[in-house]
Amino acid sequence: MELGLSGRVALVTGASSGIGFSIASELVREGAAVFVASRSLPRVQQAVEKLRGVRPGAVVHGKVADLTDESQIKDLVSQINKTSPAHIIVINTGGPPAGSTLELTTADWDRGYSELLRSALLLTQLTVPAMKENGWGRILIVTSTSAREVMPFLPISSTFRAGLSAWTKGLAKEVGRYGILVNNLLPGPTNTTRLQELLKKSPSFLQSITEQMAVGRIGEPEEIGRVAAFLCSAANSFVTGTDVLVDGGYTCAL
């Protein structure tokens, strides 16, 4: 399938590893010029080097940005605009602290809001005007199945990711007639560093997860990346304002 991404400019945050890196890799493979952003300069540099090897002549740039810092978000978009405004933004962030609802501090909740929800609000406010002018745009928020099904000890994740589902629905209604499509991508258990850290704490966790997966295994970041690339492409012309589960049948909620 021709995705029509050649010549498009994409920003992918949290792209130095894991799902974010795999999404960036698929976009590069399909011909997009990609800006990758992450908090760590060495990790950004490593990601850029790897991504430039994905396709001959690949255009990849790296930027350092902490999505809890408004000034860094504004600087990130400003730097991209000097080359070309982004046609595609993929907002991918780290997971918030785990804990029980009452044990987590208000500072934990404030950071969760800033990282998961406020960052998406600000990034879209800064990039949508140019998308409207171009008459084309794709916005993809990488969230989690916790937006659909509350997970024990992940109340911050569930609360703000569910909020993103509502926000996406409203934004899609506002910008769809300008050729801009907005969706949430909800990965299930995926073979990332974060999951491996959880498995070290509880080796039985992997068995518990795989038993709940319809396909009998956890996902690989590349499998998430391929779905993301489609949602960000010209081949997707009718999917907007929705949550797209990529979870191997893990989620039980309807």
Protein backbone atom coordinates (compact mmCIF):
# COMPACT_ATOMS: atom_id res chain seq x y z
CA MET A 1 0.00 0.00 0.00
CA GLU A 2 1.29 3.44 -0.94
CA LEU A 3 1.05 5.57 2.21
CA GLY A 4 1.79 8.90 0.55
CA LEU A 5 4.27 10.06 3.18
CA SER A 6 7.07 11.11 0.85
CA GLY A 7 7.81 14.79 1.35
CA ARG A 8 5.83 15.04 4.58
CA VAL A 9 7.46 16.42 7.72
CA ALA A 10 6.81 14.57 10.97
CA LEU A 11 7.59 15.23 14.61
CA VAL A 12 7.76 12.21 16.91
CA THR A 13 8.30 12.79 20.62
CA GLY A 14 9.67 10.19 23.01
CA ALA A 15 11.35 8.75 19.94
CA SER A 16 14.76 7.70 21.20
CA SER A 17 13.66 4.12 21.93
CA GLY A 18 10.77 1.69 22.14
CA ILE A 19 7.45 2.46 20.50
CA GLY A 20 8.37 6.06 19.67
CA PHE A 21 11.52 4.96 17.86
CA SER A 22 9.62 2.29 15.92
CA ILE A 23 7.02 4.83 14.80
CA ALA A 24 9.76 7.21 13.67
CA SER A 25 11.46 4.34 11.85
CA GLU A 26 8.32 3.45 9.89
CA LEU A 27 7.75 7.08 8.93
CA VAL A 28 11.36 7.37 7.73
CA ARG A 29 10.99 4.11 5.77
CA GLU A 30 7.93 5.55 4.03
CA GLY A 31 9.78 8.68 2.93
CA ALA A 32 8.85 11.26 5.55
CA ALA A 33 11.38 13.75 6.91
CA VAL A 34 11.36 13.11 10.64
CA PHE A 35 12.25 15.17 13.69
CA VAL A 36 12.79 12.98 16.73
CA ALA A 37 12.60 14.47 20.21
CA SER A 38 13.53 13.13 23.62
CA ARG A 39 14.91 14.39 26.93
CA SER A 40 18.39 12.92 26.54
CA LEU A 41 20.83 14.37 24.00
CA PRO A 42 22.99 11.21 23.75
CA ARG A 43 19.92 9.04 23.18
CA VAL A 44 18.55 11.47 20.58
CA GLN A 45 21.88 11.42 18.75
CA GLN A 46 21.95 7.61 18.78
CA ALA A 47 18.38 7.44 17.48
CA VAL A 48 19.13 9.87 14.65
CA GLU A 49 22.15 7.84 13.58
CA LYS A 50 20.12 4.62 13.51
CA LEU A 51 17.19 6.20 11.70
CA ARG A 52 19.40 7.65 8.97
CA GLY A 53 20.37 4.07 8.18
CA VAL A 54 16.77 2.97 7.66
CA ARG A 55 16.52 4.39 4.13
CA PRO A 56 19.11 5.84 1.72
CA GLY A 57 18.86 9.62 1.75
CA ALA A 58 16.68 9.67 4.86
CA VAL A 59 16.15 13.14 6.36
CA VAL A 60 16.24 12.87 10.15
CA HIS A 61 16.83 15.57 12.74
CA GLY A 62 17.12 15.28 16.51
CA LYS A 63 15.89 17.70 19.14
CA VAL A 64 16.07 17.65 22.93
CA ALA A 65 12.77 18.46 24.63
CA ASP A 66 11.10 17.77 27.96
CA LEU A 67 7.35 17.73 27.38
CA THR A 68 6.67 18.91 30.92
CA ASP A 69 8.46 22.19 30.10
CA GLU A 70 6.33 24.65 28.11
CA SER A 71 9.30 26.71 26.98
CA GLN A 72 11.02 23.62 25.56
CA ILE A 73 7.88 22.61 23.67
CA LYS A 74 7.62 26.07 22.14
CA ASP A 75 11.31 26.04 21.22
CA LEU A 76 10.93 22.58 19.66
CA VAL A 77 8.13 23.69 17.34
CA SER A 78 9.94 26.93 16.54
CA GLN A 79 13.07 25.01 15.48
CA ILE A 80 11.03 22.70 13.23
CA ASN A 81 9.22 25.64 11.64
CA LYS A 82 12.57 27.04 10.48
CA THR A 83 12.78 24.05 8.13
CA SER A 84 9.11 23.35 7.42
CA PRO A 85 6.03 23.22 9.63
CA ALA A 86 5.15 19.67 10.64
CA HIS A 87 2.43 17.92 8.65
CA ILE A 88 2.37 15.10 11.21
CA ILE A 89 2.84 15.10 14.97
CA VAL A 90 3.09 11.92 17.01
CA ILE A 91 2.89 12.67 20.73
CA ASN A 92 4.47 9.89 22.74
CA THR A 93 5.40 10.32 26.39
CA GLY A 94 6.74 8.22 29.22
CA GLY A 95 4.52 6.49 31.73
CA PRO A 96 3.59 8.33 34.95
CA PRO A 97 4.38 6.98 38.43
CA ALA A 98 2.51 3.89 39.60
CA GLY A 99 0.79 3.60 42.98
CA SER A 100 -2.56 3.56 44.67
CA THR A 101 -4.92 6.48 44.09
CA LEU A 102 -4.57 7.87 47.60
CA GLU A 103 -0.85 7.22 48.04
CA LEU A 104 0.27 9.15 44.97
CA THR A 105 1.08 12.77 45.78
CA THR A 106 -0.48 15.85 44.24
CA ALA A 107 2.93 16.51 42.69
CA ASP A 108 2.69 13.11 40.96
CA TRP A 109 -0.75 14.03 39.62
CA ASP A 110 0.45 17.46 38.50
CA ARG A 111 3.35 15.94 36.59
CA GLY A 112 1.02 13.33 35.04
CA TYR A 113 -1.27 16.09 33.79
CA SER A 114 1.65 18.12 32.47
CA GLU A 115 3.28 15.21 30.70
CA LEU A 116 0.29 13.30 29.35
CA LEU A 117 -2.42 15.87 28.68
CA ARG A 118 -1.05 19.41 28.79
CA SER A 119 1.81 18.57 26.44
CA ALA A 120 -0.69 17.35 23.83
CA LEU A 121 -2.81 20.49 24.21
CA LEU A 122 0.17 22.78 23.72
CA LEU A 123 1.75 20.87 20.84
CA THR A 124 -1.50 20.90 18.88
CA GLN A 125 -2.14 24.57 19.56
CA LEU A 126 1.29 25.34 18.14
CA THR A 127 1.11 23.07 15.07
CA VAL A 128 -2.52 23.01 13.94
CA PRO A 129 -2.54 26.54 12.41
CA ALA A 130 0.07 25.49 9.81
CA MET A 131 -1.81 22.25 9.14
CA LYS A 132 -4.96 24.25 8.49
CA GLU A 133 -3.07 26.49 6.08
CA ASN A 134 -1.72 23.42 4.26
CA GLY A 135 -5.14 21.75 4.22
CA TRP A 136 -3.64 18.52 5.53
CA GLY A 137 -2.42 17.15 8.84
CA ARG A 138 -2.25 14.11 11.08
CA ILE A 139 -2.15 14.13 14.87
CA LEU A 140 -1.56 10.87 16.71
CA ILE A 141 -1.41 10.52 20.48
CA VAL A 142 0.23 7.35 21.78
CA THR A 143 -1.61 6.49 24.97
CA SER A 144 -2.37 3.07 26.47
CA THR A 145 -5.09 0.48 26.92
CA SER A 146 -5.44 2.01 30.39
CA ALA A 147 -7.55 4.70 28.68
CA ARG A 148 -10.19 2.02 28.10
CA GLU A 149 -9.67 -0.34 31.00
CA VAL A 150 -8.51 0.90 34.39
CA MET A 151 -5.38 -0.91 35.53
CA PRO A 152 -4.45 -1.49 39.17
CA PHE A 153 -1.89 0.99 40.50
CA LEU A 154 -1.98 3.12 37.33
CA PRO A 155 -4.64 5.72 38.27
CA ILE A 156 -2.72 8.68 36.84
CA SER A 157 -2.30 6.93 33.51
CA SER A 158 -5.93 5.85 33.36
CA THR A 159 -7.28 9.27 34.34
CA PHE A 160 -5.36 11.44 31.90
CA ARG A 161 -5.30 8.97 29.03
CA ALA A 162 -9.08 8.62 29.28
CA GLY A 163 -9.20 12.41 29.21
CA LEU A 164 -7.17 12.36 26.00
CA SER A 165 -9.82 10.13 24.42
CA ALA A 166 -12.46 12.77 25.11
CA TRP A 167 -10.19 15.59 23.99
CA THR A 168 -9.32 13.83 20.73
CA LYS A 169 -12.97 13.33 19.89
CA GLY A 170 -13.67 17.05 20.31
CA LEU A 171 -10.58 18.20 18.42
CA ALA A 172 -11.31 15.88 15.51
CA LYS A 173 -14.73 17.52 15.08
CA GLU A 174 -13.13 20.96 15.01
CA VAL A 175 -10.35 20.30 12.50
CA GLY A 176 -11.61 17.49 10.26
CA ARG A 177 -12.89 19.82 7.55
CA TYR A 178 -9.39 21.23 7.18
CA GLY A 179 -8.04 17.82 6.20
CA ILE A 180 -6.64 17.14 9.66
CA LEU A 181 -7.24 13.74 11.26
CA VAL A 182 -6.73 13.15 14.99
CA ASN A 183 -6.51 9.77 16.71
CA ASN A 184 -5.24 7.99 19.80
CA LEU A 185 -3.12 4.86 19.48
CA LEU A 186 -3.56 2.45 22.39
CA PRO A 187 -0.77 -0.15 22.54
CA GLY A 188 -1.19 -3.20 24.70
CA PRO A 189 1.69 -4.96 26.49
CA THR A 190 4.73 -4.40 24.27
CA ASN A 191 8.34 -5.54 24.48
CA THR A 192 9.87 -2.26 25.64
CA THR A 193 12.37 -1.26 28.32
CA ARG A 194 9.52 -0.22 30.61
CA LEU A 195 7.91 -3.67 30.38
CA GLN A 196 11.24 -5.39 30.93
CA GLU A 197 11.71 -3.35 34.12
CA LEU A 198 8.34 -4.57 35.38
CA LEU A 199 9.24 -8.15 34.52
CA LYS A 200 12.43 -7.93 36.60
CA LYS A 201 10.33 -6.99 39.61
CA SER A 202 7.81 -9.76 38.95
CA PRO A 203 8.86 -12.58 36.55
CA SER A 204 5.38 -14.11 36.87
CA PHE A 205 3.98 -10.90 35.37
CA LEU A 206 4.91 -12.03 31.84
CA GLN A 207 3.00 -15.28 32.19
CA SER A 208 0.00 -13.41 33.57
CA ILE A 209 0.02 -11.00 30.62
CA THR A 210 0.46 -13.61 27.90
CA GLU A 211 -2.43 -15.61 29.29
CA GLN A 212 -4.65 -12.57 28.74
CA MET A 213 -3.45 -11.93 25.19
CA ALA A 214 -5.68 -13.32 22.43
CA VAL A 215 -2.57 -13.96 20.33
CA GLY A 216 -0.71 -15.59 23.22
CA ARG A 217 2.26 -13.21 23.29
CA ILE A 218 3.21 -9.61 23.96
CA GLY A 219 3.65 -7.21 21.07
CA GLU A 220 6.79 -5.88 19.44
CA PRO A 221 7.36 -2.11 18.96
CA GLU A 222 7.52 -2.59 15.17
CA GLU A 223 3.94 -3.90 15.19
CA ILE A 224 2.78 -0.70 16.84
CA GLY A 225 4.86 1.39 14.45
CA ARG A 226 3.22 -0.04 11.35
CA VAL A 227 -0.28 0.83 12.54
CA ALA A 228 0.87 4.30 13.54
CA ALA A 229 2.38 4.93 10.10
CA PHE A 230 -0.94 4.12 8.44
CA LEU A 231 -2.90 6.42 10.76
CA CYS A 232 -0.43 9.23 9.98
CA SER A 233 -0.59 8.71 6.24
CA ALA A 234 -2.57 9.82 3.21
CA ALA A 235 -3.80 6.22 2.93
CA ASN A 236 -5.83 6.95 6.05
CA SER A 237 -8.48 9.38 4.88
CA PHE A 238 -11.46 8.44 7.06
CA VAL A 239 -10.29 7.31 10.52
CA THR A 240 -10.44 10.18 13.00
CA GLY A 241 -11.59 11.04 16.49
CA THR A 242 -11.15 7.53 17.80
CA ASP A 243 -9.06 5.20 19.93
CA VAL A 244 -7.23 2.56 17.91
CA LEU A 245 -6.32 -0.48 19.99
CA VAL A 246 -3.15 -2.31 18.99
CA ASP A 247 -3.07 -4.79 21.82
CA GLY A 248 -3.16 -8.37 20.51
CA GLY A 249 -6.64 -8.78 21.97
CA TYR A 250 -5.50 -7.91 25.51
CA THR A 251 -8.24 -5.44 26.40
CA CYS A 252 -11.54 -6.85 27.64
CA ALA A 253 -13.48 -3.58 27.62
CA LEU A 254 -15.88 -3.02 24.70
